[in-house]
Amino acid sequence: MVREIRQSFKLTQVKLVTMLEVSLHTINRWENGQTRPSPLAMKQIKQLLHQMAEPGEAFLAKYFQK
């Protein structure tokens, strides 16, 4: 999920690190499936998608709708 979102918005891992205030190691582990984002990180990702307006809506629907 994280890699898909990042690549869709043409963000580097470093840029995503800055936006989510996590370490590069953390992003790598999420993208490689070694760990999953914590509930707090998921909240931050959701907020980021809201900021992306219409393009982010598809990801919100795909990953955050119940």
PDB file of N, CA and C in Angstrom:
ATOM      1  N   MET A   1       0.813  -1.187   0.000  1.00  0.00           N
ATOM      2  CA  MET A   1       0.000   0.000   0.000  1.00  0.00           C
ATOM      3  C   MET A   1       0.863   1.260   0.000  1.00  0.00           C
ATOM      4  N   VAL A   2       1.839   1.328   0.892  1.00  0.00           N
ATOM      5  CA  VAL A   2       2.649   2.547   1.018  1.00  0.00           C
ATOM      6  C   VAL A   2       3.420   2.814  -0.271  1.00  0.00           C
ATOM      7  N   ARG A   3       4.023   1.777  -0.831  1.00  0.00           N
ATOM      8  CA  ARG A   3       4.773   1.954  -2.084  1.00  0.00           C
ATOM      9  C   ARG A   3       3.843   2.409  -3.206  1.00  0.00           C
ATOM     10  N   GLU A   4       2.678   1.804  -3.289  1.00  0.00           N
ATOM     11  CA  GLU A   4       1.706   2.166  -4.333  1.00  0.00           C
ATOM     12  C   GLU A   4       1.309   3.638  -4.222  1.00  0.00           C
ATOM     13  N   ILE A   5       1.004   4.066  -3.024  1.00  0.00           N
ATOM     14  CA  ILE A   5       0.626   5.463  -2.808  1.00  0.00           C
ATOM     15  C   ILE A   5       1.787   6.384  -3.156  1.00  0.00           C
ATOM     16  N   ARG A   6       2.958   6.060  -2.630  1.00  0.00           N
ATOM     17  CA  ARG A   6       4.142   6.902  -2.870  1.00  0.00           C
ATOM     18  C   ARG A   6       4.447   7.038  -4.354  1.00  0.00           C
ATOM     19  N   GLN A   7       4.431   5.925  -5.068  1.00  0.00           N
ATOM     20  CA  GLN A   7       4.749   5.965  -6.494  1.00  0.00           C
ATOM     21  C   GLN A   7       3.672   6.679  -7.296  1.00  0.00           C
ATOM     22  N   SER A   8       2.433   6.522  -6.906  1.00  0.00           N
ATOM     23  CA  SER A   8       1.344   7.195  -7.628  1.00  0.00           C
ATOM     24  C   SER A   8       1.454   8.708  -7.551  1.00  0.00           C
ATOM     25  N   PHE A   9       1.953   9.203  -6.428  1.00  0.00           N
ATOM     26  CA  PHE A   9       2.118  10.642  -6.258  1.00  0.00           C
ATOM     27  C   PHE A   9       3.527  11.110  -6.591  1.00  0.00           C
ATOM     28  N   LYS A  10       4.325  10.189  -7.153  1.00  0.00           N
ATOM     29  CA  LYS A  10       5.694  10.500  -7.580  1.00  0.00           C
ATOM     30  C   LYS A  10       6.522  11.102  -6.438  1.00  0.00           C
ATOM     31  N   LEU A  11       6.389  10.480  -5.260  1.00  0.00           N
ATOM     32  CA  LEU A  11       7.152  10.899  -4.098  1.00  0.00           C
ATOM     33  C   LEU A  11       8.343   9.969  -3.910  1.00  0.00           C
ATOM     34  N   THR A  12       9.470  10.528  -3.557  1.00  0.00           N
ATOM     35  CA  THR A  12      10.603   9.687  -3.191  1.00  0.00           C
ATOM     36  C   THR A  12      10.384   9.190  -1.765  1.00  0.00           C
ATOM     37  N   GLN A  13      11.126   8.174  -1.386  1.00  0.00           N
ATOM     38  CA  GLN A  13      11.034   7.706  -0.012  1.00  0.00           C
ATOM     39  C   GLN A  13      11.446   8.818   0.942  1.00  0.00           C
ATOM     40  N   VAL A  14      12.454   9.574   0.575  1.00  0.00           N
ATOM     41  CA  VAL A  14      12.935  10.669   1.429  1.00  0.00           C
ATOM     42  C   VAL A  14      11.838  11.717   1.615  1.00  0.00           C
ATOM     43  N   LYS A  15      11.132  12.048   0.560  1.00  0.00           N
ATOM     44  CA  LYS A  15      10.042  13.031   0.661  1.00  0.00           C
ATOM     45  C   LYS A  15       8.932  12.498   1.562  1.00  0.00           C
ATOM     46  N   LEU A  16       8.611  11.219   1.426  1.00  0.00           N
ATOM     47  CA  LEU A  16       7.575  10.627   2.264  1.00  0.00           C
ATOM     48  C   LEU A  16       8.012  10.593   3.725  1.00  0.00           C
ATOM     49  N   VAL A  17       9.277  10.319   3.963  1.00  0.00           N
ATOM     50  CA  VAL A  17       9.832  10.358   5.319  1.00  0.00           C
ATOM     51  C   VAL A  17       9.577  11.726   5.942  1.00  0.00           C
ATOM     52  N   THR A  18       9.839  12.771   5.186  1.00  0.00           N
ATOM     53  CA  THR A  18       9.642  14.134   5.668  1.00  0.00           C
ATOM     54  C   THR A  18       8.167  14.421   5.932  1.00  0.00           C
ATOM     55  N   MET A  19       7.322  13.981   5.048  1.00  0.00           N
ATOM     56  CA  MET A  19       5.896  14.260   5.174  1.00  0.00           C
ATOM     57  C   MET A  19       5.263  13.522   6.359  1.00  0.00           C
ATOM     58  N   LEU A  20       5.709  12.287   6.605  1.00  0.00           N
ATOM     59  CA  LEU A  20       5.107  11.479   7.667  1.00  0.00           C
ATOM     60  C   LEU A  20       5.898  11.525   8.968  1.00  0.00           C
ATOM     61  N   GLU A  21       7.076  12.137   8.919  1.00  0.00           N
ATOM     62  CA  GLU A  21       7.941  12.248  10.086  1.00  0.00           C
ATOM     63  C   GLU A  21       8.278  10.884  10.679  1.00  0.00           C
ATOM     64  N   VAL A  22       8.698   9.974   9.808  1.00  0.00           N
ATOM     65  CA  VAL A  22       9.187   8.659  10.207  1.00  0.00           C
ATOM     66  C   VAL A  22      10.571   8.481   9.602  1.00  0.00           C
ATOM     67  N   SER A  23      11.238   7.393   9.950  1.00  0.00           N
ATOM     68  CA  SER A  23      12.580   7.165   9.417  1.00  0.00           C
ATOM     69  C   SER A  23      12.521   6.487   8.051  1.00  0.00           C
ATOM     70  N   LEU A  24      13.607   6.608   7.319  1.00  0.00           N
ATOM     71  CA  LEU A  24      13.716   5.934   6.026  1.00  0.00           C
ATOM     72  C   LEU A  24      13.634   4.424   6.218  1.00  0.00           C
ATOM     73  N   HIS A  25      14.231   3.936   7.289  1.00  0.00           N
ATOM     74  CA  HIS A  25      14.178   2.512   7.611  1.00  0.00           C
ATOM     75  C   HIS A  25      12.727   2.043   7.781  1.00  0.00           C
ATOM     76  N   THR A  26      11.922   2.868   8.409  1.00  0.00           N
ATOM     77  CA  THR A  26      10.512   2.541   8.612  1.00  0.00           C
ATOM     78  C   THR A  26       9.779   2.437   7.281  1.00  0.00           C
ATOM     79  N   ILE A  27       9.991   3.407   6.408  1.00  0.00           N
ATOM     80  CA  ILE A  27       9.363   3.367   5.074  1.00  0.00           C
ATOM     81  C   ILE A  27       9.794   2.112   4.330  1.00  0.00           C
ATOM     82  N   ASN A  28      11.087   1.796   4.380  1.00  0.00           N
ATOM     83  CA  ASN A  28      11.587   0.589   3.713  1.00  0.00           C
ATOM     84  C   ASN A  28      10.892  -0.662   4.238  1.00  0.00           C
ATOM     85  N   ARG A  29      10.749  -0.764   5.546  1.00  0.00           N
ATOM     86  CA  ARG A  29      10.096  -1.949   6.132  1.00  0.00           C
ATOM     87  C   ARG A  29       8.633  -2.034   5.725  1.00  0.00           C
ATOM     88  N   TRP A  30       7.943  -0.902   5.672  1.00  0.00           N
ATOM     89  CA  TRP A  30       6.545  -0.916   5.227  1.00  0.00           C
ATOM     90  C   TRP A  30       6.455  -1.381   3.782  1.00  0.00           C
ATOM     91  N   GLU A  31       7.319  -0.833   2.937  1.00  0.00           N
ATOM     92  CA  GLU A  31       7.242  -1.154   1.508  1.00  0.00           C
ATOM     93  C   GLU A  31       7.663  -2.587   1.213  1.00  0.00           C
ATOM     94  N   ASN A  32       8.536  -3.153   2.031  1.00  0.00           N
ATOM     95  CA  ASN A  32       8.993  -4.527   1.818  1.00  0.00           C
ATOM     96  C   ASN A  32       8.135  -5.549   2.545  1.00  0.00           C
ATOM     97  N   GLY A  33       7.101  -5.082   3.232  1.00  0.00           N
ATOM     98  CA  GLY A  33       6.185  -5.976   3.916  1.00  0.00           C
ATOM     99  C   GLY A  33       6.719  -6.558   5.211  1.00  0.00           C
ATOM    100  N   GLN A  34       7.825  -6.024   5.721  1.00  0.00           N
ATOM    101  CA  GLN A  34       8.373  -6.532   6.981  1.00  0.00           C
ATOM    102  C   GLN A  34       7.538  -6.100   8.175  1.00  0.00           C
ATOM    103  N   THR A  35       6.958  -4.912   8.102  1.00  0.00           N
ATOM    104  CA  THR A  35       6.061  -4.418   9.137  1.00  0.00           C
ATOM    105  C   THR A  35       4.925  -3.667   8.471  1.00  0.00           C
ATOM    106  N   ARG A  36       3.927  -3.355   9.259  1.00  0.00           N
ATOM    107  CA  ARG A  36       2.806  -2.554   8.771  1.00  0.00           C
ATOM    108  C   ARG A  36       2.821  -1.220   9.500  1.00  0.00           C
ATOM    109  N   PRO A  37       2.279  -0.200   8.896  1.00  0.00           N
ATOM    110  CA  PRO A  37       2.200   1.088   9.588  1.00  0.00           C
ATOM    111  C   PRO A  37       1.358   0.970  10.871  1.00  0.00           C
ATOM    112  N   SER A  38       1.816   1.656  11.897  1.00  0.00           N
ATOM    113  CA  SER A  38       1.084   1.684  13.164  1.00  0.00           C
ATOM    114  C   SER A  38      -0.234   2.441  12.969  1.00  0.00           C
ATOM    115  N   PRO A  39      -1.136   2.342  13.923  1.00  0.00           N
ATOM    116  CA  PRO A  39      -2.376   3.120  13.821  1.00  0.00           C
ATOM    117  C   PRO A  39      -2.113   4.621  13.679  1.00  0.00           C
ATOM    118  N   LEU A  40      -1.116   5.131  14.390  1.00  0.00           N
ATOM    119  CA  LEU A  40      -0.777   6.546  14.266  1.00  0.00           C
ATOM    120  C   LEU A  40      -0.274   6.863  12.859  1.00  0.00           C
ATOM    121  N   ALA A  41       0.580   6.003  12.314  1.00  0.00           N
ATOM    122  CA  ALA A  41       1.093   6.210  10.955  1.00  0.00           C
ATOM    123  C   ALA A  41      -0.040   6.125   9.934  1.00  0.00           C
ATOM    124  N   MET A  42      -0.976   5.207  10.150  1.00  0.00           N
ATOM    125  CA  MET A  42      -2.114   5.099   9.230  1.00  0.00           C
ATOM    126  C   MET A  42      -2.937   6.382   9.258  1.00  0.00           C
ATOM    127  N   LYS A  43      -3.080   6.967  10.431  1.00  0.00           N
ATOM    128  CA  LYS A  43      -3.796   8.235  10.545  1.00  0.00           C
ATOM    129  C   LYS A  43      -3.071   9.326   9.762  1.00  0.00           C
ATOM    130  N   GLN A  44      -1.749   9.347   9.840  1.00  0.00           N
ATOM    131  CA  GLN A  44      -0.953  10.335   9.108  1.00  0.00           C
ATOM    132  C   GLN A  44      -1.071  10.117   7.597  1.00  0.00           C
ATOM    133  N   ILE A  45      -1.050   8.871   7.177  1.00  0.00           N
ATOM    134  CA  ILE A  45      -1.190   8.557   5.749  1.00  0.00           C
ATOM    135  C   ILE A  45      -2.565   9.007   5.264  1.00  0.00           C
ATOM    136  N   LYS A  46      -3.581   8.744   6.069  1.00  0.00           N
ATOM    137  CA  LYS A  46      -4.941   9.155   5.713  1.00  0.00           C
ATOM    138  C   LYS A  46      -5.028  10.677   5.572  1.00  0.00           C
ATOM    139  N   GLN A  47      -4.425  11.405   6.487  1.00  0.00           N
ATOM    140  CA  GLN A  47      -4.417  12.867   6.411  1.00  0.00           C
ATOM    141  C   GLN A  47      -3.687  13.341   5.162  1.00  0.00           C
ATOM    142  N   LEU A  48      -2.585  12.686   4.836  1.00  0.00           N
ATOM    143  CA  LEU A  48      -1.833  13.027   3.630  1.00  0.00           C
ATOM    144  C   LEU A  48      -2.701  12.836   2.391  1.00  0.00           C
ATOM    145  N   LEU A  49      -3.434  11.737   2.335  1.00  0.00           N
ATOM    146  CA  LEU A  49      -4.308  11.483   1.190  1.00  0.00           C
ATOM    147  C   LEU A  49      -5.415  12.527   1.087  1.00  0.00           C
ATOM    148  N   HIS A  50      -5.937  12.963   2.210  1.00  0.00           N
ATOM    149  CA  HIS A  50      -6.946  14.034   2.201  1.00  0.00           C
ATOM    150  C   HIS A  50      -6.359  15.312   1.613  1.00  0.00           C
ATOM    151  N   GLN A  51      -5.099  15.590   1.899  1.00  0.00           N
ATOM    152  CA  GLN A  51      -4.434  16.784   1.373  1.00  0.00           C
ATOM    153  C   GLN A  51      -4.218  16.694  -0.133  1.00  0.00           C
ATOM    154  N   MET A  52      -4.167  15.493  -0.655  1.00  0.00           N
ATOM    155  CA  MET A  52      -3.928  15.289  -2.090  1.00  0.00           C
ATOM    156  C   MET A  52      -5.203  15.495  -2.905  1.00  0.00           C
ATOM    157  N   ALA A  53      -6.291  15.808  -2.248  1.00  0.00           N
ATOM    158  CA  ALA A  53      -7.578  16.093  -2.884  1.00  0.00           C
ATOM    159  C   ALA A  53      -8.063  14.907  -3.714  1.00  0.00           C
ATOM    160  N   GLU A  54      -8.525  15.175  -4.923  1.00  0.00           N
ATOM    161  CA  GLU A  54      -9.166  14.150  -5.749  1.00  0.00           C
ATOM    162  C   GLU A  54      -8.296  12.915  -5.986  1.00  0.00           C
ATOM    163  N   PRO A  55      -7.018  13.061  -6.338  1.00  0.00           N
ATOM    164  CA  PRO A  55      -6.214  11.847  -6.542  1.00  0.00           C
ATOM    165  C   PRO A  55      -6.122  10.968  -5.291  1.00  0.00           C
ATOM    166  N   GLY A  56      -6.135  11.584  -4.131  1.00  0.00           N
ATOM    167  CA  GLY A  56      -6.067  10.821  -2.894  1.00  0.00           C
ATOM    168  C   GLY A  56      -7.350  10.101  -2.546  1.00  0.00           C
ATOM    169  N   GLU A  57      -8.457  10.556  -3.106  1.00  0.00           N
ATOM    170  CA  GLU A  57      -9.763   9.961  -2.801  1.00  0.00           C
ATOM    171  C   GLU A  57      -9.829   8.490  -3.185  1.00  0.00           C
ATOM    172  N   ALA A  58      -9.215   8.107  -4.293  1.00  0.00           N
ATOM    173  CA  ALA A  58      -9.241   6.707  -4.721  1.00  0.00           C
ATOM    174  C   ALA A  58      -8.540   5.818  -3.700  1.00  0.00           C
ATOM    175  N   PHE A  59      -7.419   6.293  -3.174  1.00  0.00           N
ATOM    176  CA  PHE A  59      -6.703   5.513  -2.170  1.00  0.00           C
ATOM    177  C   PHE A  59      -7.454   5.491  -0.847  1.00  0.00           C
ATOM    178  N   LEU A  60      -8.106   6.576  -0.504  1.00  0.00           N
ATOM    179  CA  LEU A  60      -8.917   6.593   0.707  1.00  0.00           C
ATOM    180  C   LEU A  60     -10.026   5.555   0.602  1.00  0.00           C
ATOM    181  N   ALA A  61     -10.660   5.507  -0.547  1.00  0.00           N
ATOM    182  CA  ALA A  61     -11.736   4.532  -0.753  1.00  0.00           C
ATOM    183  C   ALA A  61     -11.204   3.103  -0.746  1.00  0.00           C
ATOM    184  N   LYS A  62     -10.040   2.927  -1.334  1.00  0.00           N
ATOM    185  CA  LYS A  62      -9.469   1.574  -1.446  1.00  0.00           C
ATOM    186  C   LYS A  62      -8.970   1.039  -0.113  1.00  0.00           C
ATOM    187  N   TYR A  63      -8.311   1.878   0.667  1.00  0.00           N
ATOM    188  CA  TYR A  63      -7.647   1.389   1.870  1.00  0.00           C
ATOM    189  C   TYR A  63      -8.288   1.793   3.199  1.00  0.00           C
ATOM    190  N   PHE A  64      -9.167   2.792   3.197  1.00  0.00           N
ATOM    191  CA  PHE A  64      -9.654   3.294   4.467  1.00  0.00           C
ATOM    192  C   PHE A  64     -11.165   3.224   4.647  1.00  0.00           C
ATOM    193  N   GLN A  65     -11.902   2.847   3.643  1.00  0.00           N
ATOM    194  CA  GLN A  65     -13.350   2.729   3.787  1.00  0.00           C
ATOM    195  C   GLN A  65     -13.688   1.374   4.358  1.00  0.00           C
ATOM    196  N   LYS A  66     -14.643   1.342   5.249  1.00  0.00           N
ATOM    197  CA  LYS A  66     -15.044   0.069   5.868  1.00  0.00           C
ATOM    198  C   LYS A  66     -16.200  -0.534   5.119  1.00  0.00           C
TER     199      LYS A  66
END
